């Protein structure tokens, strides 16, 4: 009788340990998923900021072209477009 009680207690303790380990693993998985979402959002934000920067630079260079109508501005526009496309 005493052996059965000891075996039952050991089994219950082992089940509790396994349950705690499973909960810890699940919490860690949720944390990793949240970190992945944050990283993806940061990458999306960087991409959007790069697109906005490209548009701003192109607008500024086009305004310079319209105001001055110089070939140097056209060369600067081409150089800026090449640099932006290389970075993206």
PDB file of N, CA and C in Angstrom:
ATOM      1  N   UNK A   1       0.828  -1.205   0.000  1.00  0.00           N
ATOM      2  CA  UNK A   1       0.000   0.000   0.000  1.00  0.00           C
ATOM      3  C   UNK A   1       0.866   1.260   0.000  1.00  0.00           C
ATOM      4  N   UNK A   2       1.894   1.264   0.833  1.00  0.00           N
ATOM      5  CA  UNK A   2       2.780   2.423   0.910  1.00  0.00           C
ATOM      6  C   UNK A   2       3.544   2.625  -0.399  1.00  0.00           C
ATOM      7  N   UNK A   3       3.920   1.534  -1.039  1.00  0.00           N
ATOM      8  CA  UNK A   3       4.638   1.617  -2.315  1.00  0.00           C
ATOM      9  C   UNK A   3       3.749   2.254  -3.378  1.00  0.00           C
ATOM     10  N   UNK A   4       2.484   1.888  -3.395  1.00  0.00           N
ATOM     11  CA  UNK A   4       1.558   2.472  -4.377  1.00  0.00           C
ATOM     12  C   UNK A   4       1.406   3.972  -4.155  1.00  0.00           C
ATOM     13  N   UNK A   5       1.333   4.389  -2.909  1.00  0.00           N
ATOM     14  CA  UNK A   5       1.198   5.815  -2.604  1.00  0.00           C
ATOM     15  C   UNK A   5       2.456   6.569  -3.044  1.00  0.00           C
ATOM     16  N   UNK A   6       3.620   6.003  -2.774  1.00  0.00           N
ATOM     17  CA  UNK A   6       4.882   6.644  -3.171  1.00  0.00           C
ATOM     18  C   UNK A   6       4.969   6.744  -4.690  1.00  0.00           C
ATOM     19  N   UNK A   7       4.607   5.673  -5.379  1.00  0.00           N
ATOM     20  CA  UNK A   7       4.634   5.681  -6.847  1.00  0.00           C
ATOM     21  C   UNK A   7       3.665   6.728  -7.383  1.00  0.00           C
ATOM     22  N   UNK A   8       2.495   6.806  -6.796  1.00  0.00           N
ATOM     23  CA  UNK A   8       1.503   7.794  -7.233  1.00  0.00           C
ATOM     24  C   UNK A   8       2.014   9.217  -7.018  1.00  0.00           C
ATOM     25  N   UNK A   9       2.620   9.467  -5.874  1.00  0.00           N
ATOM     26  CA  UNK A   9       3.158  10.803  -5.590  1.00  0.00           C
ATOM     27  C   UNK A   9       4.281  11.141  -6.570  1.00  0.00           C
ATOM     28  N   UNK A  10       5.160  10.195  -6.853  1.00  0.00           N
ATOM     29  CA  UNK A  10       6.260  10.432  -7.799  1.00  0.00           C
ATOM     30  C   UNK A  10       5.709  10.731  -9.187  1.00  0.00           C
ATOM     31  N   UNK A  11       4.708   9.971  -9.608  1.00  0.00           N
ATOM     32  CA  UNK A  11       4.102  10.197 -10.925  1.00  0.00           C
ATOM     33  C   UNK A  11       3.451  11.574 -10.985  1.00  0.00           C
ATOM     34  N   UNK A  12       2.755  11.960  -9.930  1.00  0.00           N
ATOM     35  CA  UNK A  12       2.112  13.277  -9.912  1.00  0.00           C
ATOM     36  C   UNK A  12       3.142  14.408  -9.943  1.00  0.00           C
ATOM     37  N   UNK A  13       4.234  14.243  -9.209  1.00  0.00           N
ATOM     38  CA  UNK A  13       5.292  15.263  -9.224  1.00  0.00           C
ATOM     39  C   UNK A  13       5.919  15.357 -10.612  1.00  0.00           C
ATOM     40  N   UNK A  14       6.158  14.218 -11.238  1.00  0.00           N
ATOM     41  CA  UNK A  14       6.714  14.231 -12.595  1.00  0.00           C
ATOM     42  C   UNK A  14       5.758  14.901 -13.577  1.00  0.00           C
ATOM     43  N   UNK A  15       4.465  14.631 -13.437  1.00  0.00           N
ATOM     44  CA  UNK A  15       3.482  15.282 -14.308  1.00  0.00           C
ATOM     45  C   UNK A  15       3.486  16.791 -14.094  1.00  0.00           C
ATOM     46  N   UNK A  16       3.627  17.226 -12.850  1.00  0.00           N
ATOM     47  CA  UNK A  16       3.680  18.656 -12.559  1.00  0.00           C
ATOM     48  C   UNK A  16       4.918  19.293 -13.185  1.00  0.00           C
ATOM     49  N   UNK A  17       6.048  18.609 -13.088  1.00  0.00           N
ATOM     50  CA  UNK A  17       7.283  19.127 -13.691  1.00  0.00           C
ATOM     51  C   UNK A  17       7.135  19.236 -15.203  1.00  0.00           C
ATOM     52  N   UNK A  18       6.568  18.216 -15.815  1.00  0.00           N
ATOM     53  CA  UNK A  18       6.362  18.240 -17.268  1.00  0.00           C
ATOM     54  C   UNK A  18       5.424  19.377 -17.651  1.00  0.00           C
ATOM     55  N   UNK A  19       4.384  19.585 -16.878  1.00  0.00           N
ATOM     56  CA  UNK A  19       3.443  20.664 -17.174  1.00  0.00           C
ATOM     57  C   UNK A  19       4.125  22.031 -17.073  1.00  0.00           C
ATOM     58  N   UNK A  20       4.950  22.207 -16.054  1.00  0.00           N
ATOM     59  CA  UNK A  20       5.672  23.477 -15.902  1.00  0.00           C
ATOM     60  C   UNK A  20       6.619  23.696 -17.080  1.00  0.00           C
ATOM     61  N   UNK A  21       7.308  22.649 -17.497  1.00  0.00           N
ATOM     62  CA  UNK A  21       8.222  22.762 -18.636  1.00  0.00           C
ATOM     63  C   UNK A  21       7.457  23.125 -19.899  1.00  0.00           C
ATOM     64  N   UNK A  22       6.300  22.506 -20.102  1.00  0.00           N
ATOM     65  CA  UNK A  22       5.488  22.806 -21.285  1.00  0.00           C
ATOM     66  C   UNK A  22       5.026  24.261 -21.261  1.00  0.00           C
ATOM     67  N   UNK A  23       4.607  24.750 -20.110  1.00  0.00           N
ATOM     68  CA  UNK A  23       4.161  26.141 -20.007  1.00  0.00           C
ATOM     69  C   UNK A  23       5.316  27.094 -20.293  1.00  0.00           C
ATOM     70  N   UNK A  24       6.494  26.795 -19.761  1.00  0.00           N
ATOM     71  CA  UNK A  24       7.662  27.651 -20.013  1.00  0.00           C
ATOM     72  C   UNK A  24       8.004  27.664 -21.497  1.00  0.00           C
ATOM     73  N   UNK A  25       7.962  26.514 -22.140  1.00  0.00           N
ATOM     74  CA  UNK A  25       8.253  26.441 -23.577  1.00  0.00           C
ATOM     75  C   UNK A  25       7.225  27.237 -24.372  1.00  0.00           C
ATOM     76  N   UNK A  26       5.960  27.135 -24.009  1.00  0.00           N
ATOM     77  CA  UNK A  26       4.927  27.895 -24.716  1.00  0.00           C
ATOM     78  C   UNK A  26       5.123  29.396 -24.537  1.00  0.00           C
ATOM     79  N   UNK A  27       5.469  29.819 -23.331  1.00  0.00           N
ATOM     80  CA  UNK A  27       5.711  31.247 -23.099  1.00  0.00           C
ATOM     81  C   UNK A  27       6.896  31.724 -23.927  1.00  0.00           C
ATOM     82  N   UNK A  28       7.949  30.926 -23.978  1.00  0.00           N
ATOM     83  CA  UNK A  28       9.110  31.294 -24.794  1.00  0.00           C
ATOM     84  C   UNK A  28       8.750  31.365 -26.274  1.00  0.00           C
ATOM     85  N   UNK A  29       7.904  30.457 -26.738  1.00  0.00           N
ATOM     86  CA  UNK A  29       7.469  30.503 -28.137  1.00  0.00           C
ATOM     87  C   UNK A  29       6.691  31.779 -28.422  1.00  0.00           C
ATOM     88  N   UNK A  30       5.827  32.176 -27.505  1.00  0.00           N
ATOM     89  CA  UNK A  30       5.060  33.412 -27.693  1.00  0.00           C
ATOM     90  C   UNK A  30       5.994  34.617 -27.720  1.00  0.00           C
ATOM     91  N   UNK A  31       6.988  34.627 -26.840  1.00  0.00           N
ATOM     92  CA  UNK A  31       7.951  35.735 -26.825  1.00  0.00           C
ATOM     93  C   UNK A  31       8.719  35.796 -28.140  1.00  0.00           C
ATOM     94  N   UNK A  32       9.141  34.650 -28.641  1.00  0.00           N
ATOM     95  CA  UNK A  32       9.872  34.620 -29.915  1.00  0.00           C
ATOM     96  C   UNK A  32       8.984  35.102 -31.052  1.00  0.00           C
ATOM     97  N   UNK A  33       7.728  34.694 -31.067  1.00  0.00           N
ATOM     98  CA  UNK A  33       6.814  35.153 -32.114  1.00  0.00           C
ATOM     99  C   UNK A  33       6.604  36.659 -32.043  1.00  0.00           C
ATOM    100  N   UNK A  34       6.471  37.194 -30.839  1.00  0.00           N
ATOM    101  CA  UNK A  34       6.315  38.647 -30.700  1.00  0.00           C
ATOM    102  C   UNK A  34       7.562  39.381 -31.181  1.00  0.00           C
ATOM    103  N   UNK A  35       8.735  38.845 -30.871  1.00  0.00           N
ATOM    104  CA  UNK A  35       9.969  39.463 -31.359  1.00  0.00           C
ATOM    105  C   UNK A  35      10.044  39.416 -32.883  1.00  0.00           C
ATOM    106  N   UNK A  36       9.599  38.318 -33.469  1.00  0.00           N
ATOM    107  CA  UNK A  36       9.589  38.228 -34.931  1.00  0.00           C
ATOM    108  C   UNK A  36       8.655  39.269 -35.531  1.00  0.00           C
ATOM    109  N   UNK A  37       7.494  39.469 -34.922  1.00  0.00           N
ATOM    110  CA  UNK A  37       6.552  40.480 -35.417  1.00  0.00           C
ATOM    111  C   UNK A  37       7.169  41.868 -35.315  1.00  0.00           C
ATOM    112  N   UNK A  38       7.853  42.144 -34.207  1.00  0.00           N
ATOM    113  CA  UNK A  38       8.492  43.455 -34.049  1.00  0.00           C
ATOM    114  C   UNK A  38       9.565  43.657 -35.112  1.00  0.00           C
ATOM    115  N   UNK A  39      10.363  42.635 -35.367  1.00  0.00           N
ATOM    116  CA  UNK A  39      11.413  42.748 -36.384  1.00  0.00           C
ATOM    117  C   UNK A  39      10.804  42.961 -37.764  1.00  0.00           C
ATOM    118  N   UNK A  40       9.742  42.234 -38.073  1.00  0.00           N
ATOM    119  CA  UNK A  40       9.096  42.414 -39.376  1.00  0.00           C
ATOM    120  C   UNK A  40       8.508  43.813 -39.517  1.00  0.00           C
ATOM    121  N   UNK A  41       7.916  44.328 -38.443  1.00  0.00           N
ATOM    122  CA  UNK A  41       7.383  45.693 -38.496  1.00  0.00           C
ATOM    123  C   UNK A  41       8.501  46.714 -38.678  1.00  0.00           C
ATOM    124  N   UNK A  42       9.632  46.498 -38.024  1.00  0.00           N
ATOM    125  CA  UNK A  42      10.765  47.412 -38.203  1.00  0.00           C
ATOM    126  C   UNK A  42      11.295  47.358 -39.634  1.00  0.00           C
ATOM    127  N   UNK A  43      11.360  46.157 -40.203  1.00  0.00           N
ATOM    128  CA  UNK A  43      11.800  46.043 -41.597  1.00  0.00           C
ATOM    129  C   UNK A  43      10.830  46.744 -42.540  1.00  0.00           C
ATOM    130  N   UNK A  44       9.536  46.590 -42.279  1.00  0.00           N
ATOM    131  CA  UNK A  44       8.538  47.275 -43.096  1.00  0.00           C
ATOM    132  C   UNK A  44       8.671  48.782 -42.961  1.00  0.00           C
ATOM    133  N   UNK A  45       8.897  49.251 -41.735  1.00  0.00           N
ATOM    134  CA  UNK A  45       9.076  50.686 -41.511  1.00  0.00           C
ATOM    135  C   UNK A  45      10.311  51.201 -42.240  1.00  0.00           C
ATOM    136  N   UNK A  46      11.399  50.426 -42.204  1.00  0.00           N
ATOM    137  CA  UNK A  46      12.603  50.836 -42.928  1.00  0.00           C
ATOM    138  C   UNK A  46      12.340  50.911 -44.425  1.00  0.00           C
ATOM    139  N   UNK A  47      11.597  49.953 -44.949  1.00  0.00           N
ATOM    140  CA  UNK A  47      11.296  49.950 -46.386  1.00  0.00           C
ATOM    141  C   UNK A  47      10.445  51.166 -46.754  1.00  0.00           C
ATOM    142  N   UNK A  48       9.439  51.453 -45.927  1.00  0.00           N
ATOM    143  CA  UNK A  48       8.578  52.608 -46.198  1.00  0.00           C
ATOM    144  C   UNK A  48       9.380  53.899 -46.106  1.00  0.00           C
ATOM    145  N   UNK A  49      10.264  53.996 -45.095  1.00  0.00           N
ATOM    146  CA  UNK A  49      11.075  55.202 -44.967  1.00  0.00           C
ATOM    147  C   UNK A  49      12.015  55.356 -46.156  1.00  0.00           C
ATOM    148  N   UNK A  50      12.545  54.250 -46.668  1.00  0.00           N
ATOM    149  CA  UNK A  50      13.408  54.321 -47.849  1.00  0.00           C
ATOM    150  C   UNK A  50      12.619  54.802 -49.060  1.00  0.00           C
ATOM    151  N   UNK A  51      11.380  54.317 -49.200  1.00  0.00           N
ATOM    152  CA  UNK A  51      10.553  54.771 -50.320  1.00  0.00           C
ATOM    153  C   UNK A  51      10.230  56.253 -50.190  1.00  0.00           C
ATOM    154  N   UNK A  52       9.903  56.696 -48.974  1.00  0.00           N
ATOM    155  CA  UNK A  52       9.599  58.113 -48.763  1.00  0.00           C
ATOM    156  C   UNK A  52      10.826  58.963 -49.050  1.00  0.00           C
ATOM    157  N   UNK A  53      11.991  58.512 -48.589  1.00  0.00           N
ATOM    158  CA  UNK A  53      13.223  59.253 -48.848  1.00  0.00           C
ATOM    159  C   UNK A  53      13.510  59.331 -50.338  1.00  0.00           C
ATOM    160  N   UNK A  54      13.270  58.236 -51.045  1.00  0.00           N
ATOM    161  CA  UNK A  54      13.482  58.248 -52.490  1.00  0.00           C
ATOM    162  C   UNK A  54      12.573  59.268 -53.159  1.00  0.00           C
ATOM    163  N   UNK A  55      11.314  59.287 -52.767  1.00  0.00           N
ATOM    164  CA  UNK A  55      10.370  60.238 -53.366  1.00  0.00           C
ATOM    165  C   UNK A  55      10.775  61.670 -53.043  1.00  0.00           C
ATOM    166  N   UNK A  56      11.188  61.928 -51.797  1.00  0.00           N
ATOM    167  CA  UNK A  56      11.585  63.289 -51.414  1.00  0.00           C
ATOM    168  C   UNK A  56      12.795  63.738 -52.215  1.00  0.00           C
ATOM    169  N   UNK A  57      13.782  62.860 -52.343  1.00  0.00           N
ATOM    170  CA  UNK A  57      14.982  63.225 -53.103  1.00  0.00           C
ATOM    171  C   UNK A  57      14.640  63.472 -54.563  1.00  0.00           C
ATOM    172  N   UNK A  58      13.805  62.624 -55.123  1.00  0.00           N
ATOM    173  CA  UNK A  58      13.426  62.817 -56.524  1.00  0.00           C
ATOM    174  C   UNK A  58      12.662  64.123 -56.719  1.00  0.00           C
ATOM    175  N   UNK A  59      11.775  64.454 -55.781  1.00  0.00           N
ATOM    176  CA  UNK A  59      11.027  65.712 -55.893  1.00  0.00           C
ATOM    177  C   UNK A  59      11.972  66.901 -55.807  1.00  0.00           C
ATOM    178  N   UNK A  60      12.928  66.849 -54.888  1.00  0.00           N
ATOM    179  CA  UNK A  60      13.882  67.959 -54.759  1.00  0.00           C
ATOM    180  C   UNK A  60      14.704  68.113 -56.027  1.00  0.00           C
ATOM    181  N   UNK A  61      15.173  67.007 -56.570  1.00  0.00           N
ATOM    182  CA  UNK A  61      15.999  67.093 -57.779  1.00  0.00           C
ATOM    183  C   UNK A  61      15.173  67.568 -58.962  1.00  0.00           C
ATOM    184  N   UNK A  62      13.932  67.122 -59.052  1.00  0.00           N
ATOM    185  CA  UNK A  62      13.068  67.592 -60.146  1.00  0.00           C
ATOM    186  C   UNK A  62      12.792  69.082 -60.001  1.00  0.00           C
ATOM    187  N   UNK A  63      12.602  69.547 -58.765  1.00  0.00           N
ATOM    188  CA  UNK A  63      12.422  70.989 -58.561  1.00  0.00           C
ATOM    189  C   UNK A  63      13.664  71.761 -58.985  1.00  0.00           C
ATOM    190  N   UNK A  64      14.830  71.226 -58.682  1.00  0.00           N
ATOM    191  CA  UNK A  64      16.069  71.884 -59.135  1.00  0.00           C
ATOM    192  C   UNK A  64      16.122  71.905 -60.651  1.00  0.00           C
ATOM    193  N   UNK A  65      15.713  70.804 -61.273  1.00  0.00           N
ATOM    194  CA  UNK A  65      15.699  70.760 -62.742  1.00  0.00           C
ATOM    195  C   UNK A  65      14.751  71.807 -63.310  1.00  0.00           C
ATOM    196  N   UNK A  66      13.583  71.919 -62.701  1.00  0.00           N
ATOM    197  CA  UNK A  66      12.587  72.858 -63.222  1.00  0.00           C
ATOM    198  C   UNK A  66      13.061  74.291 -63.032  1.00  0.00           C
ATOM    199  N   UNK A  67      13.657  74.568 -61.881  1.00  0.00           N
ATOM    200  CA  UNK A  67      14.062  75.949 -61.596  1.00  0.00           C
ATOM    201  C   UNK A  67      15.275  76.348 -62.423  1.00  0.00           C
ATOM    202  N   UNK A  68      16.276  75.494 -62.480  1.00  0.00           N
ATOM    203  CA  UNK A  68      17.535  75.905 -63.118  1.00  0.00           C
ATOM    204  C   UNK A  68      17.696  75.366 -64.532  1.00  0.00           C
ATOM    205  N   UNK A  69      17.098  74.237 -64.812  1.00  0.00           N
ATOM    206  CA  UNK A  69      17.196  73.597 -66.126  1.00  0.00           C
ATOM    207  C   UNK A  69      18.650  73.441 -66.566  1.00  0.00           C
ATOM    208  N   UNK A  70      19.424  72.826 -65.696  1.00  0.00           N
ATOM    209  CA  UNK A  70      20.836  72.614 -66.010  1.00  0.00           C
ATOM    210  C   UNK A  70      21.103  71.127 -66.202  1.00  0.00           C
ATOM    211  N   UNK A  71      22.128  70.846 -66.975  1.00  0.00           N
ATOM    212  CA  UNK A  71      22.481  69.445 -67.197  1.00  0.00           C
ATOM    213  C   UNK A  71      23.128  68.842 -65.957  1.00  0.00           C
ATOM    214  N   UNK A  72      23.731  69.679 -65.112  1.00  0.00           N
ATOM    215  CA  UNK A  72      24.325  69.157 -63.878  1.00  0.00           C
ATOM    216  C   UNK A  72      23.242  68.582 -62.972  1.00  0.00           C
ATOM    217  N   UNK A  73      22.090  69.224 -62.951  1.00  0.00           N
ATOM    218  CA  UNK A  73      20.988  68.710 -62.143  1.00  0.00           C
ATOM    219  C   UNK A  73      20.497  67.374 -62.699  1.00  0.00           C
ATOM    220  N   UNK A  74      20.483  67.259 -64.012  1.00  0.00           N
ATOM    221  CA  UNK A  74      20.079  65.989 -64.615  1.00  0.00           C
ATOM    222  C   UNK A  74      21.071  64.883 -64.251  1.00  0.00           C
ATOM    223  N   UNK A  75      22.352  65.210 -64.252  1.00  0.00           N
ATOM    224  CA  UNK A  75      23.364  64.227 -63.860  1.00  0.00           C
ATOM    225  C   UNK A  75      23.204  63.858 -62.385  1.00  0.00           C
ATOM    226  N   UNK A  76      22.897  64.851 -61.549  1.00  0.00           N
ATOM    227  CA  UNK A  76      22.681  64.572 -60.125  1.00  0.00           C
ATOM    228  C   UNK A  76      21.465  63.674 -59.938  1.00  0.00           C
ATOM    229  N   UNK A  77      20.414  63.931 -60.714  1.00  0.00           N
ATOM    230  CA  UNK A  77      19.219  63.087 -60.633  1.00  0.00           C
ATOM    231  C   UNK A  77      19.561  61.644 -60.985  1.00  0.00           C
ATOM    232  N   UNK A  78      20.311  61.462 -62.060  1.00  0.00           N
ATOM    233  CA  UNK A  78      20.686  60.106 -62.464  1.00  0.00           C
ATOM    234  C   UNK A  78      21.537  59.434 -61.383  1.00  0.00           C
ATOM    235  N   UNK A  79      22.468  60.184 -60.793  1.00  0.00           N
ATOM    236  CA  UNK A  79      23.329  59.609 -59.750  1.00  0.00           C
ATOM    237  C   UNK A  79      22.516  59.234 -58.520  1.00  0.00           C
ATOM    238  N   UNK A  80      21.582  60.096 -58.137  1.00  0.00           N
ATOM    239  CA  UNK A  80      20.754  59.816 -56.958  1.00  0.00           C
ATOM    240  C   UNK A  80      19.891  58.583 -57.194  1.00  0.00           C
ATOM    241  N   UNK A  81      19.307  58.473 -58.368  1.00  0.00           N
ATOM    242  CA  UNK A  81      18.469  57.306 -58.673  1.00  0.00           C
ATOM    243  C   UNK A  81      19.308  56.029 -58.632  1.00  0.00           C
ATOM    244  N   UNK A  82      20.518  56.075 -59.168  1.00  0.00           N
ATOM    245  CA  UNK A  82      21.388  54.894 -59.150  1.00  0.00           C
ATOM    246  C   UNK A  82      21.738  54.513 -57.715  1.00  0.00           C
ATOM    247  N   UNK A  83      22.081  55.511 -56.891  1.00  0.00           N
ATOM    248  CA  UNK A  83      22.452  55.223 -55.498  1.00  0.00           C
ATOM    249  C   UNK A  83      21.267  54.639 -54.738  1.00  0.00           C
ATOM    250  N   UNK A  84      20.083  55.217 -54.915  1.00  0.00           N
ATOM    251  CA  UNK A  84      18.900  54.729 -54.196  1.00  0.00           C
ATOM    252  C   UNK A  84      18.551  53.314 -54.636  1.00  0.00           C
ATOM    253  N   UNK A  85      18.619  53.054 -55.928  1.00  0.00           N
ATOM    254  CA  UNK A  85      18.310  51.708 -56.401  1.00  0.00           C
ATOM    255  C   UNK A  85      19.327  50.693 -55.896  1.00  0.00           C
ATOM    256  N   UNK A  86      20.581  51.105 -55.755  1.00  0.00           N
ATOM    257  CA  UNK A  86      21.590  50.191 -55.217  1.00  0.00           C
ATOM    258  C   UNK A  86      21.335  49.884 -53.750  1.00  0.00           C
ATOM    259  N   UNK A  87      20.890  50.889 -52.987  1.00  0.00           N
ATOM    260  CA  UNK A  87      20.646  50.653 -51.564  1.00  0.00           C
ATOM    261  C   UNK A  87      19.410  49.800 -51.342  1.00  0.00           C
ATOM    262  N   UNK A  88      18.424  49.907 -52.214  1.00  0.00           N
ATOM    263  CA  UNK A  88      17.214  49.103 -52.045  1.00  0.00           C
ATOM    264  C   UNK A  88      17.449  47.709 -52.589  1.00  0.00           C
TER     265      UNK A  88
END
